[in-house]
């Protein structure tokens, strides 16, 4: 992992064009050549980035200097997407810090258990998504990843359930991909979608409704049997 603190500007070109004016920022460069640009304030997301697969090149011109008051940069980095024409070019006028760290192999994200427990509880209490519903299985396999829960409703039709702790638009898009794929199988179609989470953003609810999905609010404590609040179907 390489971390650079510098006065820099950036230009992104390709499918879209975007630019960042000169300012002090943090550049994070990963072992796969991904480059992410962060600012001190604002969203936790980077201001701009290029993710793998990509190629990173140092294209610093001759005569480069570290004087921020001159137009000559100290360093120029160009990251090109391996699949496509997207390019992110970062011009560093003055570098305050440039450090590289070997983080070693990462064991991956270990969830706090809530999302997994929600899936298990809902599978055990499957009629919460509709009277007469029967569980097919948890982690139903597909070519693009497992569906959290596959069930059959009282009408004998399949239901795919995507479960999140906090439901946003990304989760609805994920459920959309699953349902589009599953509905191509004549043995499964029609497959209905349910987007289930402890909280669901208003934008995600609107998108889910537009896609023909049902939103299900999950009460974690109630599912554990500690509260009597009922689930709410939108």
C-alpha atoms as a PDB file:
ATOM      1  CA  UNK A   1       0.000   0.000   0.000  1.00  0.00           C
ATOM      2  CA  UNK A   2       1.416   3.380  -1.056  1.00  0.00           C
ATOM      3  CA  UNK A   3       0.139   6.552   0.585  1.00  0.00           C
ATOM      4  CA  UNK A   4       1.027   9.956  -0.836  1.00  0.00           C
ATOM      5  CA  UNK A   5       0.143  13.324   0.690  1.00  0.00           C
ATOM      6  CA  UNK A   6       0.545  16.049  -1.886  1.00  0.00           C
ATOM      7  CA  UNK A   7      -0.713  19.213  -3.497  1.00  0.00           C
ATOM      8  CA  UNK A   8      -2.289  17.713  -6.599  1.00  0.00           C
ATOM      9  CA  UNK A   9      -4.792  18.102  -9.391  1.00  0.00           C
ATOM     10  CA  UNK A  10      -6.459  15.357 -11.428  1.00  0.00           C
ATOM     11  CA  UNK A  11      -8.136  14.809 -14.784  1.00  0.00           C
ATOM     12  CA  UNK A  12     -10.394  11.842 -15.543  1.00  0.00           C
ATOM     13  CA  UNK A  13     -11.310  11.089 -19.155  1.00  0.00           C
ATOM     14  CA  UNK A  14     -13.171   8.276 -20.886  1.00  0.00           C
ATOM     15  CA  UNK A  15     -16.809   7.384 -20.375  1.00  0.00           C
ATOM     16  CA  UNK A  16     -17.076  10.624 -18.418  1.00  0.00           C
ATOM     17  CA  UNK A  17     -14.867  13.654 -17.917  1.00  0.00           C
ATOM     18  CA  UNK A  18     -14.121  15.093 -14.495  1.00  0.00           C
ATOM     19  CA  UNK A  19     -11.430  17.230 -12.947  1.00  0.00           C
ATOM     20  CA  UNK A  20     -10.089  18.152  -9.533  1.00  0.00           C
ATOM     21  CA  UNK A  21      -8.397  21.540  -9.089  1.00  0.00           C
ATOM     22  CA  UNK A  22      -5.112  21.880  -7.243  1.00  0.00           C
ATOM     23  CA  UNK A  23      -5.434  21.153  -3.520  1.00  0.00           C
ATOM     24  CA  UNK A  24      -3.771  19.145  -0.759  1.00  0.00           C
ATOM     25  CA  UNK A  25      -5.061  15.568  -0.861  1.00  0.00           C
ATOM     26  CA  UNK A  26      -4.221  11.963  -0.005  1.00  0.00           C
ATOM     27  CA  UNK A  27      -3.541   9.430  -2.750  1.00  0.00           C
ATOM     28  CA  UNK A  28      -3.917   5.753  -1.939  1.00  0.00           C
ATOM     29  CA  UNK A  29      -2.296   3.329  -4.387  1.00  0.00           C
ATOM     30  CA  UNK A  30      -2.962  -0.380  -3.912  1.00  0.00           C
ATOM     31  CA  UNK A  31      -0.887  -3.361  -5.032  1.00  0.00           C
ATOM     32  CA  UNK A  32      -3.251  -3.944  -7.971  1.00  0.00           C
ATOM     33  CA  UNK A  33      -2.463  -0.386  -9.212  1.00  0.00           C
ATOM     34  CA  UNK A  34      -5.842   0.991  -8.121  1.00  0.00           C
ATOM     35  CA  UNK A  35      -5.565   4.687  -7.278  1.00  0.00           C
ATOM     36  CA  UNK A  36      -7.973   6.582  -5.032  1.00  0.00           C
ATOM     37  CA  UNK A  37      -7.920  10.298  -4.205  1.00  0.00           C
ATOM     38  CA  UNK A  38      -9.243  11.517  -0.847  1.00  0.00           C
ATOM     39  CA  UNK A  39      -9.822  14.922   0.721  1.00  0.00           C
ATOM     40  CA  UNK A  40      -9.806  15.929   4.383  1.00  0.00           C
ATOM     41  CA  UNK A  41     -13.546  16.575   4.609  1.00  0.00           C
ATOM     42  CA  UNK A  42     -16.723  15.340   2.938  1.00  0.00           C
ATOM     43  CA  UNK A  43     -17.835  11.840   2.103  1.00  0.00           C
ATOM     44  CA  UNK A  44     -15.906   8.745   3.110  1.00  0.00           C
ATOM     45  CA  UNK A  45     -15.806   7.918  -0.592  1.00  0.00           C
ATOM     46  CA  UNK A  46     -12.829   9.033  -2.693  1.00  0.00           C
ATOM     47  CA  UNK A  47     -13.156  12.182  -4.777  1.00  0.00           C
ATOM     48  CA  UNK A  48     -11.993  10.264  -7.834  1.00  0.00           C
ATOM     49  CA  UNK A  49     -10.515   6.857  -8.485  1.00  0.00           C
ATOM     50  CA  UNK A  50      -9.491   4.159 -10.938  1.00  0.00           C
ATOM     51  CA  UNK A  51      -9.998   0.560  -9.891  1.00  0.00           C
ATOM     52  CA  UNK A  52      -8.398  -2.643 -11.149  1.00  0.00           C
ATOM     53  CA  UNK A  53      -7.818  -4.026 -13.676  1.00  0.00           C
ATOM     54  CA  UNK A  54      -5.684  -1.047 -14.557  1.00  0.00           C
ATOM     55  CA  UNK A  55      -2.102  -0.010 -15.285  1.00  0.00           C
ATOM     56  CA  UNK A  56      -0.189   2.659 -13.372  1.00  0.00           C
ATOM     57  CA  UNK A  57       2.648   4.587 -15.029  1.00  0.00           C
ATOM     58  CA  UNK A  58       4.915   7.354 -13.778  1.00  0.00           C
ATOM     59  CA  UNK A  59       5.005   9.904 -16.622  1.00  0.00           C
ATOM     60  CA  UNK A  60       6.856  12.630 -14.729  1.00  0.00           C
ATOM     61  CA  UNK A  61       8.366  15.034 -17.273  1.00  0.00           C
ATOM     62  CA  UNK A  62      12.018  15.973 -17.440  1.00  0.00           C
ATOM     63  CA  UNK A  63      12.951  18.936 -15.280  1.00  0.00           C
ATOM     64  CA  UNK A  64      10.372  18.149 -12.608  1.00  0.00           C
ATOM     65  CA  UNK A  65      10.758  20.053  -9.336  1.00  0.00           C
ATOM     66  CA  UNK A  66       9.148  20.155  -5.895  1.00  0.00           C
ATOM     67  CA  UNK A  67       8.471  23.883  -5.886  1.00  0.00           C
ATOM     68  CA  UNK A  68       4.701  24.340  -5.615  1.00  0.00           C
ATOM     69  CA  UNK A  69       4.989  27.900  -6.943  1.00  0.00           C
ATOM     70  CA  UNK A  70       6.216  26.829 -10.369  1.00  0.00           C
ATOM     71  CA  UNK A  71       4.009  25.273 -13.078  1.00  0.00           C
ATOM     72  CA  UNK A  72       6.395  22.339 -13.354  1.00  0.00           C
ATOM     73  CA  UNK A  73       5.058  19.356 -11.357  1.00  0.00           C
ATOM     74  CA  UNK A  74       7.075  17.200  -9.020  1.00  0.00           C
ATOM     75  CA  UNK A  75       5.449  14.008 -10.316  1.00  0.00           C
ATOM     76  CA  UNK A  76       2.724  12.897 -12.736  1.00  0.00           C
ATOM     77  CA  UNK A  77       0.924   9.559 -12.417  1.00  0.00           C
ATOM     78  CA  UNK A  78      -1.322   8.078 -15.099  1.00  0.00           C
ATOM     79  CA  UNK A  79      -3.679   5.166 -14.437  1.00  0.00           C
ATOM     80  CA  UNK A  80      -5.288   3.535 -17.479  1.00  0.00           C
ATOM     81  CA  UNK A  81      -8.147   1.043 -17.399  1.00  0.00           C
ATOM     82  CA  UNK A  82      -7.115  -2.279 -18.934  1.00  0.00           C
ATOM     83  CA  UNK A  83     -10.622  -2.748 -20.316  1.00  0.00           C
ATOM     84  CA  UNK A  84     -11.717   0.480 -21.912  1.00  0.00           C
ATOM     85  CA  UNK A  85     -10.316   3.923 -22.606  1.00  0.00           C
ATOM     86  CA  UNK A  86     -10.707   5.497 -19.160  1.00  0.00           C
ATOM     87  CA  UNK A  87      -7.656   7.384 -17.891  1.00  0.00           C
ATOM     88  CA  UNK A  88      -6.988   9.100 -14.573  1.00  0.00           C
ATOM     89  CA  UNK A  89      -4.008  11.448 -14.631  1.00  0.00           C
ATOM     90  CA  UNK A  90      -2.818  12.976 -11.370  1.00  0.00           C
ATOM     91  CA  UNK A  91      -0.388  15.894 -11.309  1.00  0.00           C
ATOM     92  CA  UNK A  92       1.508  16.306  -8.031  1.00  0.00           C
ATOM     93  CA  UNK A  93       2.905  19.802  -7.609  1.00  0.00           C
ATOM     94  CA  UNK A  94       4.463  19.196  -4.206  1.00  0.00           C
ATOM     95  CA  UNK A  95       4.763  15.942  -2.258  1.00  0.00           C
ATOM     96  CA  UNK A  96       4.706  16.152   1.548  1.00  0.00           C
ATOM     97  CA  UNK A  97       4.888  12.411   2.182  1.00  0.00           C
ATOM     98  CA  UNK A  98       5.305   9.294   0.028  1.00  0.00           C
ATOM     99  CA  UNK A  99       5.336   6.081   2.039  1.00  0.00           C
ATOM    100  CA  UNK A 100       4.877   2.414   1.114  1.00  0.00           C
ATOM    101  CA  UNK A 101       3.661  -0.238   3.549  1.00  0.00           C
ATOM    102  CA  UNK A 102       3.452  -4.008   3.203  1.00  0.00           C
ATOM    103  CA  UNK A 103       0.094  -4.898   4.743  1.00  0.00           C
ATOM    104  CA  UNK A 104       0.428  -8.622   4.111  1.00  0.00           C
ATOM    105  CA  UNK A 105      -2.439 -10.937   3.279  1.00  0.00           C
ATOM    106  CA  UNK A 106      -5.825  -9.743   4.480  1.00  0.00           C
ATOM    107  CA  UNK A 107      -8.213 -12.341   5.975  1.00  0.00           C
ATOM    108  CA  UNK A 108     -11.218 -10.462   4.574  1.00  0.00           C
ATOM    109  CA  UNK A 109     -14.231  -8.861   6.188  1.00  0.00           C
ATOM    110  CA  UNK A 110     -15.656 -10.570   9.232  1.00  0.00           C
ATOM    111  CA  UNK A 111     -19.257  -9.434   9.617  1.00  0.00           C
ATOM    112  CA  UNK A 112     -20.628  -8.557  13.004  1.00  0.00           C
ATOM    113  CA  UNK A 113     -23.142 -11.343  12.579  1.00  0.00           C
ATOM    114  CA  UNK A 114     -26.266  -9.218  12.269  1.00  0.00           C
ATOM    115  CA  UNK A 115     -26.769  -9.718   8.522  1.00  0.00           C
ATOM    116  CA  UNK A 116     -26.073 -13.441   8.762  1.00  0.00           C
ATOM    117  CA  UNK A 117     -28.425 -13.734  11.734  1.00  0.00           C
ATOM    118  CA  UNK A 118     -31.150 -11.851   9.879  1.00  0.00           C
ATOM    119  CA  UNK A 119     -30.859 -14.354   7.054  1.00  0.00           C
ATOM    120  CA  UNK A 120     -30.992 -17.321   9.433  1.00  0.00           C
ATOM    121  CA  UNK A 121     -33.916 -15.960  11.442  1.00  0.00           C
ATOM    122  CA  UNK A 122     -35.913 -15.130   8.313  1.00  0.00           C
ATOM    123  CA  UNK A 123     -35.254 -18.585   6.879  1.00  0.00           C
ATOM    124  CA  UNK A 124     -36.517 -20.127  10.124  1.00  0.00           C
ATOM    125  CA  UNK A 125     -39.528 -17.792  10.185  1.00  0.00           C
ATOM    126  CA  UNK A 126     -40.168 -17.777   6.450  1.00  0.00           C
ATOM    127  CA  UNK A 127     -43.889 -17.033   6.740  1.00  0.00           C
ATOM    128  CA  UNK A 128     -42.927 -13.518   7.781  1.00  0.00           C
ATOM    129  CA  UNK A 129     -42.666 -12.745   4.065  1.00  0.00           C
ATOM    130  CA  UNK A 130     -46.130 -14.158   3.426  1.00  0.00           C
ATOM    131  CA  UNK A 131     -48.536 -16.735   4.824  1.00  0.00           C
ATOM    132  CA  UNK A 132     -48.095 -20.132   3.237  1.00  0.00           C
ATOM    133  CA  UNK A 133     -44.518 -19.415   2.084  1.00  0.00           C
ATOM    134  CA  UNK A 134     -42.100 -22.343   2.077  1.00  0.00           C
ATOM    135  CA  UNK A 135     -38.304 -22.127   2.230  1.00  0.00           C
ATOM    136  CA  UNK A 136     -36.357 -23.567  -0.690  1.00  0.00           C
ATOM    137  CA  UNK A 137     -32.908 -22.820   0.725  1.00  0.00           C
ATOM    138  CA  UNK A 138     -30.542 -20.182   2.025  1.00  0.00           C
ATOM    139  CA  UNK A 139     -27.670 -18.999  -0.188  1.00  0.00           C
ATOM    140  CA  UNK A 140     -29.400 -20.194  -3.360  1.00  0.00           C
ATOM    141  CA  UNK A 141     -26.594 -20.482  -5.958  1.00  0.00           C
ATOM    142  CA  UNK A 142     -26.620 -18.542  -9.229  1.00  0.00           C
ATOM    143  CA  UNK A 143     -23.954 -17.802 -11.831  1.00  0.00           C
ATOM    144  CA  UNK A 144     -23.471 -14.305 -10.383  1.00  0.00           C
ATOM    145  CA  UNK A 145     -23.507 -15.195  -6.708  1.00  0.00           C
ATOM    146  CA  UNK A 146     -25.850 -16.665  -4.108  1.00  0.00           C
ATOM    147  CA  UNK A 147     -29.317 -15.282  -3.416  1.00  0.00           C
ATOM    148  CA  UNK A 148     -29.734 -14.865   0.339  1.00  0.00           C
ATOM    149  CA  UNK A 149     -33.037 -16.767   0.466  1.00  0.00           C
ATOM    150  CA  UNK A 150     -35.088 -18.557  -2.165  1.00  0.00           C
ATOM    151  CA  UNK A 151     -38.661 -19.444  -1.228  1.00  0.00           C
ATOM    152  CA  UNK A 152     -41.970 -20.456  -2.785  1.00  0.00           C
ATOM    153  CA  UNK A 153     -45.044 -18.404  -1.920  1.00  0.00           C
ATOM    154  CA  UNK A 154     -48.587 -19.629  -1.318  1.00  0.00           C
ATOM    155  CA  UNK A 155     -49.307 -19.353  -5.069  1.00  0.00           C
ATOM    156  CA  UNK A 156     -46.443 -21.709  -5.851  1.00  0.00           C
ATOM    157  CA  UNK A 157     -44.241 -18.990  -7.341  1.00  0.00           C
ATOM    158  CA  UNK A 158     -40.586 -18.468  -6.484  1.00  0.00           C
ATOM    159  CA  UNK A 159     -39.472 -15.538  -4.350  1.00  0.00           C
ATOM    160  CA  UNK A 160     -35.875 -14.275  -4.171  1.00  0.00           C
ATOM    161  CA  UNK A 161     -35.006 -12.376  -0.993  1.00  0.00           C
ATOM    162  CA  UNK A 162     -32.009 -10.052  -0.717  1.00  0.00           C
ATOM    163  CA  UNK A 163     -31.139  -9.190   2.891  1.00  0.00           C
ATOM    164  CA  UNK A 164     -29.142  -6.182   4.072  1.00  0.00           C
ATOM    165  CA  UNK A 165     -28.580  -4.610   7.423  1.00  0.00           C
ATOM    166  CA  UNK A 166     -29.087  -1.158   5.916  1.00  0.00           C
ATOM    167  CA  UNK A 167     -30.794  -1.223   2.526  1.00  0.00           C
ATOM    168  CA  UNK A 168     -29.705   1.181  -0.182  1.00  0.00           C
ATOM    169  CA  UNK A 169     -29.954   1.482  -3.947  1.00  0.00           C
ATOM    170  CA  UNK A 170     -26.993  -0.881  -4.447  1.00  0.00           C
ATOM    171  CA  UNK A 171     -28.917  -3.661  -2.720  1.00  0.00           C
ATOM    172  CA  UNK A 172     -31.927  -3.123  -4.978  1.00  0.00           C
ATOM    173  CA  UNK A 173     -29.656  -3.271  -8.021  1.00  0.00           C
ATOM    174  CA  UNK A 174     -28.187  -6.529  -6.716  1.00  0.00           C
ATOM    175  CA  UNK A 175     -31.657  -8.039  -6.308  1.00  0.00           C
ATOM    176  CA  UNK A 176     -32.537  -6.830  -9.817  1.00  0.00           C
ATOM    177  CA  UNK A 177     -29.593  -8.723 -11.305  1.00  0.00           C
ATOM    178  CA  UNK A 178     -30.560 -11.895  -9.458  1.00  0.00           C
ATOM    179  CA  UNK A 179     -34.209 -11.737 -10.530  1.00  0.00           C
ATOM    180  CA  UNK A 180     -33.362 -10.969 -14.149  1.00  0.00           C
ATOM    181  CA  UNK A 181     -31.103 -14.016 -14.261  1.00  0.00           C
ATOM    182  CA  UNK A 182     -33.483 -16.332 -12.401  1.00  0.00           C
ATOM    183  CA  UNK A 183     -36.425 -15.337 -14.577  1.00  0.00           C
ATOM    184  CA  UNK A 184     -34.584 -16.659 -17.629  1.00  0.00           C
ATOM    185  CA  UNK A 185     -35.029 -20.166 -16.214  1.00  0.00           C
ATOM    186  CA  UNK A 186     -38.481 -21.455 -17.263  1.00  0.00           C
ATOM    187  CA  UNK A 187     -38.446 -23.864 -14.325  1.00  0.00           C
ATOM    188  CA  UNK A 188     -38.255 -20.945 -11.887  1.00  0.00           C
ATOM    189  CA  UNK A 189     -40.103 -18.090 -13.582  1.00  0.00           C
ATOM    190  CA  UNK A 190     -41.873 -16.038 -12.498  1.00  0.00           C
ATOM    191  CA  UNK A 191     -39.471 -15.079  -9.706  1.00  0.00           C
ATOM    192  CA  UNK A 192     -40.603 -12.231  -7.447  1.00  0.00           C
ATOM    193  CA  UNK A 193     -38.201 -10.082  -5.441  1.00  0.00           C
ATOM    194  CA  UNK A 194     -38.250  -9.002  -1.813  1.00  0.00           C
ATOM    195  CA  UNK A 195     -35.729  -6.469  -0.515  1.00  0.00           C
ATOM    196  CA  UNK A 196     -35.378  -6.973   3.240  1.00  0.00           C
ATOM    197  CA  UNK A 197     -33.376  -4.866   5.693  1.00  0.00           C
ATOM    198  CA  UNK A 198     -33.457  -3.288   9.126  1.00  0.00           C
ATOM    199  CA  UNK A 199     -33.632   0.118   7.469  1.00  0.00           C
ATOM    200  CA  UNK A 200     -34.278   1.009   3.828  1.00  0.00           C
ATOM    201  CA  UNK A 201     -33.566   4.444   2.387  1.00  0.00           C
ATOM    202  CA  UNK A 202     -36.439   6.307   0.732  1.00  0.00           C
ATOM    203  CA  UNK A 203     -34.573   6.226  -2.590  1.00  0.00           C
ATOM    204  CA  UNK A 204     -34.161   2.454  -2.358  1.00  0.00           C
ATOM    205  CA  UNK A 205     -37.860   2.034  -1.578  1.00  0.00           C
ATOM    206  CA  UNK A 206     -38.819   4.071  -4.648  1.00  0.00           C
ATOM    207  CA  UNK A 207     -36.458   2.074  -6.875  1.00  0.00           C
ATOM    208  CA  UNK A 208     -37.631  -1.252  -5.445  1.00  0.00           C
ATOM    209  CA  UNK A 209     -41.264  -0.359  -6.080  1.00  0.00           C
ATOM    210  CA  UNK A 210     -40.380   0.704  -9.634  1.00  0.00           C
ATOM    211  CA  UNK A 211     -38.726  -2.697 -10.187  1.00  0.00           C
ATOM    212  CA  UNK A 212     -41.798  -4.504  -8.879  1.00  0.00           C
ATOM    213  CA  UNK A 213     -40.165  -5.614  -5.622  1.00  0.00           C
ATOM    214  CA  UNK A 214     -41.604  -5.678  -2.108  1.00  0.00           C
ATOM    215  CA  UNK A 215     -39.683  -3.949   0.694  1.00  0.00           C
ATOM    216  CA  UNK A 216     -39.635  -5.708   4.046  1.00  0.00           C
ATOM    217  CA  UNK A 217     -38.441  -4.009   7.236  1.00  0.00           C
ATOM    218  CA  UNK A 218     -36.791  -6.500   9.577  1.00  0.00           C
ATOM    219  CA  UNK A 219     -36.863  -5.975  13.332  1.00  0.00           C
ATOM    220  CA  UNK A 220     -33.779  -7.804  14.578  1.00  0.00           C
ATOM    221  CA  UNK A 221     -34.857  -7.900  18.227  1.00  0.00           C
ATOM    222  CA  UNK A 222     -38.318  -9.118  17.303  1.00  0.00           C
ATOM    223  CA  UNK A 223     -36.873 -11.902  15.174  1.00  0.00           C
ATOM    224  CA  UNK A 224     -34.748 -12.973  18.104  1.00  0.00           C
ATOM    225  CA  UNK A 225     -37.933 -13.138  20.149  1.00  0.00           C
ATOM    226  CA  UNK A 226     -37.126 -10.237  22.495  1.00  0.00           C
ATOM    227  CA  UNK A 227     -39.755  -7.828  21.180  1.00  0.00           C
ATOM    228  CA  UNK A 228     -43.273  -8.121  19.781  1.00  0.00           C
ATOM    229  CA  UNK A 229     -43.144  -5.357  17.171  1.00  0.00           C
ATOM    230  CA  UNK A 230     -44.485  -6.613  13.857  1.00  0.00           C
ATOM    231  CA  UNK A 231     -42.722  -6.441  10.524  1.00  0.00           C
ATOM    232  CA  UNK A 232     -43.939  -3.818   8.092  1.00  0.00           C
ATOM    233  CA  UNK A 233     -44.503  -4.582   4.423  1.00  0.00           C
ATOM    234  CA  UNK A 234     -44.409  -1.683   1.984  1.00  0.00           C
END
